[in-house]
Every structure is written in C-alpha cells, then in structure tokens.
Amino acid sequence: IDNAIKNGQLTCPRCHAQHAATAATQFSINYGMEAL
C-alpha cells in the first residue's frame, strides 16, 4: 500500500478505485484476516 501511494492518491490494484491517502496506516488493519 505504501509503495502504491503517489501524490496523496492510491489506486486500488484490483478495482482501480481512487482513495486519498498519505500512508498505509490510514487504512484499517484486517483483524479477521490476522485471526484466520
């Protein structure tokens, strides 16, 4: 996620949706995935 952020924008590699972001820490941790 950090590597994909460019100029305050993140394009989802899957669906290409645009998200405003400056760091990966802005997005929630998938605790369900970690539990799995």
PDB file of all heavy atoms in Angstrom:
ATOM      1  N   ILE A   1       0.843  -1.205   0.000  1.00  0.00           N
ATOM      2  CA  ILE A   1       0.000   0.000   0.000  1.00  0.00           C
ATOM      3  C   ILE A   1       0.871   1.245   0.000  1.00  0.00           C
ATOM      4  O   ILE A   1       0.644   2.187  -0.755  1.00  0.00           O
ATOM      5  CB  ILE A   1      -0.957  -0.012   1.202  1.00  0.00           C
ATOM      6  CG1 ILE A   1      -1.999  -1.127   1.032  1.00  0.00           C
ATOM      7  CG2 ILE A   1      -1.649   1.337   1.363  1.00  0.00           C
ATOM      8  CD1 ILE A   1      -2.929  -1.292   2.209  1.00  0.00           C
ATOM      9  N   ASP A   2       1.895   1.271   0.861  1.00  0.00           N
ATOM     10  CA  ASP A   2       2.813   2.426   0.895  1.00  0.00           C
ATOM     11  C   ASP A   2       3.464   2.643  -0.468  1.00  0.00           C
ATOM     12  O   ASP A   2       3.612   3.775  -0.935  1.00  0.00           O
ATOM     13  CB  ASP A   2       3.888   2.220   1.964  1.00  0.00           C
ATOM     14  CG  ASP A   2       3.396   2.628   3.353  1.00  0.00           C
ATOM     15  OD1 ASP A   2       2.601   3.576   3.436  1.00  0.00           O
ATOM     16  OD2 ASP A   2       3.805   2.002   4.330  1.00  0.00           O
ATOM     17  N   ASN A   3       3.874   1.549  -1.101  1.00  0.00           N
ATOM     18  CA  ASN A   3       4.548   1.666  -2.405  1.00  0.00           C
ATOM     19  C   ASN A   3       3.599   2.169  -3.497  1.00  0.00           C
ATOM     20  O   ASN A   3       4.043   2.780  -4.481  1.00  0.00           O
ATOM     21  CB  ASN A   3       5.125   0.304  -2.821  1.00  0.00           C
ATOM     22  CG  ASN A   3       6.274  -0.134  -1.928  1.00  0.00           C
ATOM     23  OD1 ASN A   3       6.915   0.711  -1.280  1.00  0.00           O
ATOM     24  ND2 ASN A   3       6.539  -1.421  -1.860  1.00  0.00           N
ATOM     25  N   ALA A   4       2.297   1.927  -3.315  1.00  0.00           N
ATOM     26  CA  ALA A   4       1.326   2.299  -4.355  1.00  0.00           C
ATOM     27  C   ALA A   4       0.833   3.735  -4.225  1.00  0.00           C
ATOM     28  O   ALA A   4       0.214   4.262  -5.136  1.00  0.00           O
ATOM     29  CB  ALA A   4       0.134   1.349  -4.328  1.00  0.00           C
ATOM     30  N   ILE A   5       1.103   4.370  -3.086  1.00  0.00           N
ATOM     31  CA  ILE A   5       0.616   5.747  -2.869  1.00  0.00           C
ATOM     32  C   ILE A   5       1.481   6.718  -3.658  1.00  0.00           C
ATOM     33  O   ILE A   5       2.705   6.746  -3.522  1.00  0.00           O
ATOM     34  CB  ILE A   5       0.632   6.102  -1.368  1.00  0.00           C
ATOM     35  CG1 ILE A   5      -0.393   5.237  -0.623  1.00  0.00           C
ATOM     36  CG2 ILE A   5       0.329   7.586  -1.175  1.00  0.00           C
ATOM     37  CD1 ILE A   5      -0.353   5.400   0.880  1.00  0.00           C
ATOM     38  N   LYS A   6       0.848   7.526  -4.495  1.00  0.00           N
ATOM     39  CA  LYS A   6       1.541   8.524  -5.309  1.00  0.00           C
ATOM     40  C   LYS A   6       0.811   9.863  -5.195  1.00  0.00           C
ATOM     41  O   LYS A   6      -0.389   9.955  -5.490  1.00  0.00           O
ATOM     42  CB  LYS A   6       1.566   8.110  -6.795  1.00  0.00           C
ATOM     43  CG  LYS A   6       2.168   6.729  -7.056  1.00  0.00           C
ATOM     44  CD  LYS A   6       3.654   6.682  -6.729  1.00  0.00           C
ATOM     45  CE  LYS A   6       4.237   5.293  -7.065  1.00  0.00           C
ATOM     46  NZ  LYS A   6       5.653   5.181  -6.654  1.00  0.00           N
ATOM     47  N   ASN A   7       1.535  10.868  -4.733  1.00  0.00           N
ATOM     48  CA  ASN A   7       0.991  12.235  -4.662  1.00  0.00           C
ATOM     49  C   ASN A   7      -0.330  12.298  -3.903  1.00  0.00           C
ATOM     50  O   ASN A   7      -1.287  12.959  -4.320  1.00  0.00           O
ATOM     51  CB  ASN A   7       0.794  12.817  -6.071  1.00  0.00           C
ATOM     52  CG  ASN A   7       2.091  12.903  -6.845  1.00  0.00           C
ATOM     53  OD1 ASN A   7       3.142  13.224  -6.287  1.00  0.00           O
ATOM     54  ND2 ASN A   7       2.033  12.611  -8.139  1.00  0.00           N
ATOM     55  N   GLY A   8      -0.365  11.598  -2.775  1.00  0.00           N
ATOM     56  CA  GLY A   8      -1.561  11.646  -1.940  1.00  0.00           C
ATOM     57  C   GLY A   8      -2.734  10.846  -2.463  1.00  0.00           C
ATOM     58  O   GLY A   8      -3.846  10.987  -1.960  1.00  0.00           O
ATOM     59  N   GLN A   9      -2.531  10.025  -3.477  1.00  0.00           N
ATOM     60  CA  GLN A   9      -3.603   9.216  -4.040  1.00  0.00           C
ATOM     61  C   GLN A   9      -3.176   7.748  -4.122  1.00  0.00           C
ATOM     62  O   GLN A   9      -2.007   7.449  -4.373  1.00  0.00           O
ATOM     63  CB  GLN A   9      -3.978   9.707  -5.447  1.00  0.00           C
ATOM     64  CG  GLN A   9      -4.696  11.040  -5.480  1.00  0.00           C
ATOM     65  CD  GLN A   9      -6.110  10.948  -4.933  1.00  0.00           C
ATOM     66  OE1 GLN A   9      -6.776   9.934  -5.109  1.00  0.00           O
ATOM     67  NE2 GLN A   9      -6.562  11.988  -4.266  1.00  0.00           N
ATOM     68  N   LEU A  10      -4.147   6.863  -3.908  1.00  0.00           N
ATOM     69  CA  LEU A  10      -3.904   5.434  -4.016  1.00  0.00           C
ATOM     70  C   LEU A  10      -4.938   4.844  -4.966  1.00  0.00           C
ATOM     71  O   LEU A  10      -6.142   5.025  -4.771  1.00  0.00           O
ATOM     72  CB  LEU A  10      -4.002   4.765  -2.641  1.00  0.00           C
ATOM     73  CG  LEU A  10      -4.029   3.230  -2.644  1.00  0.00           C
ATOM     74  CD1 LEU A  10      -2.712   2.670  -3.175  1.00  0.00           C
ATOM     75  CD2 LEU A  10      -4.323   2.686  -1.262  1.00  0.00           C
ATOM     76  N   THR A  11      -4.453   4.158  -5.999  1.00  0.00           N
ATOM     77  CA  THR A  11      -5.342   3.457  -6.923  1.00  0.00           C
ATOM     78  C   THR A  11      -5.350   1.977  -6.567  1.00  0.00           C
ATOM     79  O   THR A  11      -4.302   1.329  -6.543  1.00  0.00           O
ATOM     80  CB  THR A  11      -4.872   3.635  -8.378  1.00  0.00           C
ATOM     81  OG1 THR A  11      -4.843   5.026  -8.690  1.00  0.00           O
ATOM     82  CG2 THR A  11      -5.825   2.928  -9.336  1.00  0.00           C
ATOM     83  N   CYS A  12      -6.533   1.448  -6.247  1.00  0.00           N
ATOM     84  CA  CYS A  12      -6.633   0.037  -5.874  1.00  0.00           C
ATOM     85  C   CYS A  12      -6.153  -0.837  -7.033  1.00  0.00           C
ATOM     86  O   CYS A  12      -6.661  -0.720  -8.156  1.00  0.00           O
ATOM     87  CB  CYS A  12      -8.071  -0.326  -5.507  1.00  0.00           C
ATOM     88  SG  CYS A  12      -8.288  -2.078  -5.142  1.00  0.00           S
ATOM     89  N   PRO A  13      -5.177  -1.741  -6.799  1.00  0.00           N
ATOM     90  CA  PRO A  13      -4.668  -2.607  -7.873  1.00  0.00           C
ATOM     91  C   PRO A  13      -5.718  -3.565  -8.426  1.00  0.00           C
ATOM     92  O   PRO A  13      -5.561  -4.077  -9.523  1.00  0.00           O
ATOM     93  CB  PRO A  13      -3.518  -3.371  -7.189  1.00  0.00           C
ATOM     94  CG  PRO A  13      -3.125  -2.523  -6.030  1.00  0.00           C
ATOM     95  CD  PRO A  13      -4.394  -1.896  -5.557  1.00  0.00           C
ATOM     96  N   ARG A  14      -6.780  -3.799  -7.663  1.00  0.00           N
ATOM     97  CA  ARG A  14      -7.798  -4.753  -8.106  1.00  0.00           C
ATOM     98  C   ARG A  14      -8.900  -4.061  -8.923  1.00  0.00           C
ATOM     99  O   ARG A  14      -9.176  -4.407 -10.052  1.00  0.00           O
ATOM    100  CB  ARG A  14      -8.417  -5.455  -6.905  1.00  0.00           C
ATOM    101  CG  ARG A  14      -7.552  -6.584  -6.344  1.00  0.00           C
ATOM    102  CD  ARG A  14      -7.638  -7.829  -7.236  1.00  0.00           C
ATOM    103  NE  ARG A  14      -6.813  -8.906  -6.724  1.00  0.00           N
ATOM    104  CZ  ARG A  14      -7.224  -9.785  -5.820  1.00  0.00           C
ATOM    105  NH1 ARG A  14      -8.437  -9.689  -5.315  1.00  0.00           N
ATOM    106  NH2 ARG A  14      -6.418 -10.752  -5.401  1.00  0.00           N
ATOM    107  N   CYS A  15      -9.583  -3.056  -8.302  1.00  0.00           N
ATOM    108  CA  CYS A  15     -10.752  -2.442  -8.944  1.00  0.00           C
ATOM    109  C   CYS A  15     -10.479  -1.043  -9.468  1.00  0.00           C
ATOM    110  O   CYS A  15     -11.354  -0.414 -10.059  1.00  0.00           O
ATOM    111  CB  CYS A  15     -11.925  -2.395  -7.968  1.00  0.00           C
ATOM    112  SG  CYS A  15     -11.648  -1.295  -6.558  1.00  0.00           S
ATOM    113  N   HIS A  16      -9.246  -0.525  -9.220  1.00  0.00           N
ATOM    114  CA  HIS A  16      -8.815   0.790  -9.695  1.00  0.00           C
ATOM    115  C   HIS A  16      -9.590   1.944  -9.078  1.00  0.00           C
ATOM    116  O   HIS A  16      -9.618   3.038  -9.638  1.00  0.00           O
ATOM    117  CB  HIS A  16      -8.910   0.869 -11.226  1.00  0.00           C
ATOM    118  CG  HIS A  16      -8.147  -0.228 -11.925  1.00  0.00           C
ATOM    119  ND1 HIS A  16      -6.773  -0.322 -11.882  1.00  0.00           N
ATOM    120  CD2 HIS A  16      -8.597  -1.289 -12.654  1.00  0.00           C
ATOM    121  CE1 HIS A  16      -6.389  -1.396 -12.582  1.00  0.00           C
ATOM    122  NE2 HIS A  16      -7.472  -2.009 -13.043  1.00  0.00           N
ATOM    123  N   ALA A  17     -10.246   1.704  -7.937  1.00  0.00           N
ATOM    124  CA  ALA A  17     -10.910   2.808  -7.235  1.00  0.00           C
ATOM    125  C   ALA A  17      -9.852   3.761  -6.685  1.00  0.00           C
ATOM    126  O   ALA A  17      -8.758   3.350  -6.293  1.00  0.00           O
ATOM    127  CB  ALA A  17     -11.773   2.267  -6.101  1.00  0.00           C
ATOM    128  N   GLN A  18     -10.189   5.058  -6.649  1.00  0.00           N
ATOM    129  CA  GLN A  18      -9.272   6.081  -6.176  1.00  0.00           C
ATOM    130  C   GLN A  18      -9.532   6.376  -4.699  1.00  0.00           C
ATOM    131  O   GLN A  18     -10.679   6.574  -4.294  1.00  0.00           O
ATOM    132  CB  GLN A  18      -9.457   7.366  -6.998  1.00  0.00           C
ATOM    133  CG  GLN A  18      -9.095   7.229  -8.468  1.00  0.00           C
ATOM    134  CD  GLN A  18      -7.596   7.100  -8.681  1.00  0.00           C
ATOM    135  OE1 GLN A  18      -6.793   7.702  -7.955  1.00  0.00           O
ATOM    136  NE2 GLN A  18      -7.199   6.313  -9.660  1.00  0.00           N
ATOM    137  N   HIS A  19      -8.447   6.417  -3.901  1.00  0.00           N
ATOM    138  CA  HIS A  19      -8.555   6.724  -2.477  1.00  0.00           C
ATOM    139  C   HIS A  19      -7.510   7.776  -2.113  1.00  0.00           C
ATOM    140  O   HIS A  19      -6.356   7.683  -2.539  1.00  0.00           O
ATOM    141  CB  HIS A  19      -8.334   5.477  -1.618  1.00  0.00           C
ATOM    142  CG  HIS A  19      -9.184   4.311  -2.014  1.00  0.00           C
ATOM    143  ND1 HIS A  19     -10.552   4.305  -1.852  1.00  0.00           N
ATOM    144  CD2 HIS A  19      -8.850   3.114  -2.600  1.00  0.00           C
ATOM    145  CE1 HIS A  19     -11.030   3.148  -2.286  1.00  0.00           C
ATOM    146  NE2 HIS A  19     -10.027   2.410  -2.752  1.00  0.00           N
ATOM    147  N   ALA A  20      -7.918   8.779  -1.342  1.00  0.00           N
ATOM    148  CA  ALA A  20      -6.959   9.771  -0.842  1.00  0.00           C
ATOM    149  C   ALA A  20      -6.162   9.145   0.296  1.00  0.00           C
ATOM    150  O   ALA A  20      -6.726   8.569   1.223  1.00  0.00           O
ATOM    151  CB  ALA A  20      -7.690  11.016  -0.363  1.00  0.00           C
ATOM    152  N   ALA A  21      -4.837   9.230   0.229  1.00  0.00           N
ATOM    153  CA  ALA A  21      -4.006   8.602   1.257  1.00  0.00           C
ATOM    154  C   ALA A  21      -2.596   9.161   1.220  1.00  0.00           C
ATOM    155  O   ALA A  21      -2.095   9.562   0.168  1.00  0.00           O
ATOM    156  CB  ALA A  21      -3.968   7.087   1.058  1.00  0.00           C
ATOM    157  N   THR A  22      -1.989   9.211   2.398  1.00  0.00           N
ATOM    158  CA  THR A  22      -0.575   9.584   2.503  1.00  0.00           C
ATOM    159  C   THR A  22       0.265   8.465   3.103  1.00  0.00           C
ATOM    160  O   THR A  22       1.491   8.486   2.987  1.00  0.00           O
ATOM    161  CB  THR A  22      -0.423  10.844   3.374  1.00  0.00           C
ATOM    162  OG1 THR A  22      -1.024  10.599   4.655  1.00  0.00           O
ATOM    163  CG2 THR A  22      -1.121  12.040   2.715  1.00  0.00           C
ATOM    164  N   ALA A  23      -0.376   7.490   3.754  1.00  0.00           N
ATOM    165  CA  ALA A  23       0.357   6.376   4.365  1.00  0.00           C
ATOM    166  C   ALA A  23      -0.594   5.194   4.541  1.00  0.00           C
ATOM    167  O   ALA A  23      -1.818   5.365   4.670  1.00  0.00           O
ATOM    168  CB  ALA A  23       0.949   6.781   5.712  1.00  0.00           C
ATOM    169  N   ALA A  24      -0.029   4.005   4.566  1.00  0.00           N
ATOM    170  CA  ALA A  24      -0.840   2.797   4.721  1.00  0.00           C
ATOM    171  C   ALA A  24      -1.557   2.770   6.063  1.00  0.00           C
ATOM    172  O   ALA A  24      -2.619   2.163   6.194  1.00  0.00           O
ATOM    173  CB  ALA A  24       0.048   1.556   4.577  1.00  0.00           C
ATOM    174  N   THR A  25      -0.991   3.465   7.061  1.00  0.00           N
ATOM    175  CA  THR A  25      -1.595   3.457   8.398  1.00  0.00           C
ATOM    176  C   THR A  25      -2.960   4.118   8.436  1.00  0.00           C
ATOM    177  O   THR A  25      -3.668   4.001   9.433  1.00  0.00           O
ATOM    178  CB  THR A  25      -0.663   4.151   9.397  1.00  0.00           C
ATOM    179  OG1 THR A  25      -0.316   5.449   8.890  1.00  0.00           O
ATOM    180  CG2 THR A  25       0.605   3.338   9.612  1.00  0.00           C
ATOM    181  N   GLN A  26      -3.342   4.808   7.362  1.00  0.00           N
ATOM    182  CA  GLN A  26      -4.667   5.417   7.320  1.00  0.00           C
ATOM    183  C   GLN A  26      -5.764   4.375   7.116  1.00  0.00           C
ATOM    184  O   GLN A  26      -6.935   4.659   7.353  1.00  0.00           O
ATOM    185  CB  GLN A  26      -4.748   6.451   6.186  1.00  0.00           C
ATOM    186  CG  GLN A  26      -3.902   7.695   6.435  1.00  0.00           C
ATOM    187  CD  GLN A  26      -3.994   8.661   5.275  1.00  0.00           C
ATOM    188  OE1 GLN A  26      -2.995   9.171   4.808  1.00  0.00           O
ATOM    189  NE2 GLN A  26      -5.179   8.927   4.790  1.00  0.00           N
ATOM    190  N   PHE A  27      -5.381   3.181   6.655  1.00  0.00           N
ATOM    191  CA  PHE A  27      -6.373   2.156   6.369  1.00  0.00           C
ATOM    192  C   PHE A  27      -6.411   1.124   7.501  1.00  0.00           C
ATOM    193  O   PHE A  27      -5.374   0.803   8.113  1.00  0.00           O
ATOM    194  CB  PHE A  27      -6.050   1.473   5.040  1.00  0.00           C
ATOM    195  CG  PHE A  27      -6.013   2.437   3.892  1.00  0.00           C
ATOM    196  CD1 PHE A  27      -4.808   2.794   3.298  1.00  0.00           C
ATOM    197  CD2 PHE A  27      -7.181   3.018   3.429  1.00  0.00           C
ATOM    198  CE1 PHE A  27      -4.771   3.686   2.249  1.00  0.00           C
ATOM    199  CE2 PHE A  27      -7.160   3.913   2.380  1.00  0.00           C
ATOM    200  CZ  PHE A  27      -5.951   4.256   1.793  1.00  0.00           C
ATOM    201  N   SER A  28      -7.604   0.618   7.754  1.00  0.00           N
ATOM    202  CA  SER A  28      -7.806  -0.272   8.906  1.00  0.00           C
ATOM    203  C   SER A  28      -7.106  -1.617   8.698  1.00  0.00           C
ATOM    204  O   SER A  28      -7.040  -2.145   7.580  1.00  0.00           O
ATOM    205  CB  SER A  28      -9.303  -0.517   9.116  1.00  0.00           C
ATOM    206  OG  SER A  28      -9.963   0.690   9.345  1.00  0.00           O
ATOM    207  N   ILE A  29      -6.592  -2.159   9.810  1.00  0.00           N
ATOM    208  CA  ILE A  29      -5.991  -3.492   9.796  1.00  0.00           C
ATOM    209  C   ILE A  29      -7.102  -4.531   9.692  1.00  0.00           C
ATOM    210  O   ILE A  29      -8.148  -4.411  10.342  1.00  0.00           O
ATOM    211  CB  ILE A  29      -5.160  -3.720  11.068  1.00  0.00           C
ATOM    212  CG1 ILE A  29      -3.966  -2.748  11.098  1.00  0.00           C
ATOM    213  CG2 ILE A  29      -4.667  -5.159  11.153  1.00  0.00           C
ATOM    214  CD1 ILE A  29      -3.243  -2.734  12.416  1.00  0.00           C
ATOM    215  N   ASN A  30      -6.901  -5.529   8.863  1.00  0.00           N
ATOM    216  CA  ASN A  30      -7.882  -6.602   8.700  1.00  0.00           C
ATOM    217  C   ASN A  30      -7.634  -7.635   9.805  1.00  0.00           C
ATOM    218  O   ASN A  30      -6.901  -8.612   9.637  1.00  0.00           O
ATOM    219  CB  ASN A  30      -7.735  -7.245   7.315  1.00  0.00           C
ATOM    220  CG  ASN A  30      -8.893  -8.171   7.003  1.00  0.00           C
ATOM    221  OD1 ASN A  30      -9.468  -8.780   7.900  1.00  0.00           O
ATOM    222  ND2 ASN A  30      -9.214  -8.276   5.716  1.00  0.00           N
ATOM    223  N   TYR A  31      -8.264  -7.373  10.959  1.00  0.00           N
ATOM    224  CA  TYR A  31      -8.045  -8.259  12.107  1.00  0.00           C
ATOM    225  C   TYR A  31      -8.634  -9.648  11.872  1.00  0.00           C
ATOM    226  O   TYR A  31      -8.137 -10.641  12.393  1.00  0.00           O
ATOM    227  CB  TYR A  31      -8.650  -7.636  13.370  1.00  0.00           C
ATOM    228  CG  TYR A  31      -7.996  -6.332  13.741  1.00  0.00           C
ATOM    229  CD1 TYR A  31      -8.684  -5.137  13.622  1.00  0.00           C
ATOM    230  CD2 TYR A  31      -6.676  -6.293  14.197  1.00  0.00           C
ATOM    231  CE1 TYR A  31      -8.095  -3.932  13.953  1.00  0.00           C
ATOM    232  CE2 TYR A  31      -6.077  -5.095  14.525  1.00  0.00           C
ATOM    233  CZ  TYR A  31      -6.781  -3.911  14.396  1.00  0.00           C
ATOM    234  OH  TYR A  31      -6.196  -2.723  14.731  1.00  0.00           O
ATOM    235  N   GLY A  32      -9.704  -9.703  11.086  1.00  0.00           N
ATOM    236  CA  GLY A  32     -10.263 -11.018  10.763  1.00  0.00           C
ATOM    237  C   GLY A  32      -9.280 -11.863   9.984  1.00  0.00           C
ATOM    238  O   GLY A  32      -9.147 -13.070  10.218  1.00  0.00           O
ATOM    239  N   MET A  33      -8.555 -11.242   9.050  1.00  0.00           N
ATOM    240  CA  MET A  33      -7.540 -11.952   8.279  1.00  0.00           C
ATOM    241  C   MET A  33      -6.425 -12.432   9.201  1.00  0.00           C
ATOM    242  O   MET A  33      -5.939 -13.572   9.082  1.00  0.00           O
ATOM    243  CB  MET A  33      -6.987 -11.022   7.196  1.00  0.00           C
ATOM    244  CG  MET A  33      -5.867 -11.632   6.357  1.00  0.00           C
ATOM    245  SD  MET A  33      -6.482 -12.968   5.317  1.00  0.00           S
ATOM    246  CE  MET A  33      -7.368 -12.009   4.078  1.00  0.00           C
ATOM    247  N   GLU A  34      -5.993 -11.575  10.127  1.00  0.00           N
ATOM    248  CA  GLU A  34      -4.922 -11.975  11.044  1.00  0.00           C
ATOM    249  C   GLU A  34      -5.364 -13.140  11.937  1.00  0.00           C
ATOM    250  O   GLU A  34      -4.575 -14.054  12.219  1.00  0.00           O
ATOM    251  CB  GLU A  34      -4.493 -10.778  11.890  1.00  0.00           C
ATOM    252  CG  GLU A  34      -3.776  -9.700  11.075  1.00  0.00           C
ATOM    253  CD  GLU A  34      -3.114  -8.653  11.937  1.00  0.00           C
ATOM    254  OE1 GLU A  34      -3.592  -8.414  13.064  1.00  0.00           O
ATOM    255  OE2 GLU A  34      -2.112  -8.071  11.503  1.00  0.00           O
ATOM    256  N   ALA A  35      -6.634 -13.078  12.358  1.00  0.00           N
ATOM    257  CA  ALA A  35      -7.134 -14.184  13.183  1.00  0.00           C
ATOM    258  C   ALA A  35      -7.146 -15.491  12.393  1.00  0.00           C
ATOM    259  O   ALA A  35      -6.795 -16.563  12.912  1.00  0.00           O
ATOM    260  CB  ALA A  35      -8.540 -13.852  13.691  1.00  0.00           C
ATOM    261  N   LEU A  36      -7.530 -15.388  11.111  1.00  0.00           N
ATOM    262  CA  LEU A  36      -7.534 -16.578  10.261  1.00  0.00           C
ATOM    263  C   LEU A  36      -6.118 -17.128  10.095  1.00  0.00           C
ATOM    264  O   LEU A  36      -5.892 -18.352  10.154  1.00  0.00           O
ATOM    265  CB  LEU A  36      -8.132 -16.233   8.897  1.00  0.00           C
ATOM    266  CG  LEU A  36      -8.086 -17.340   7.844  1.00  0.00           C
ATOM    267  CD1 LEU A  36      -8.889 -18.543   8.290  1.00  0.00           C
ATOM    268  CD2 LEU A  36      -8.587 -16.822   6.490  1.00  0.00           C
TER     269      LEU A  36
END
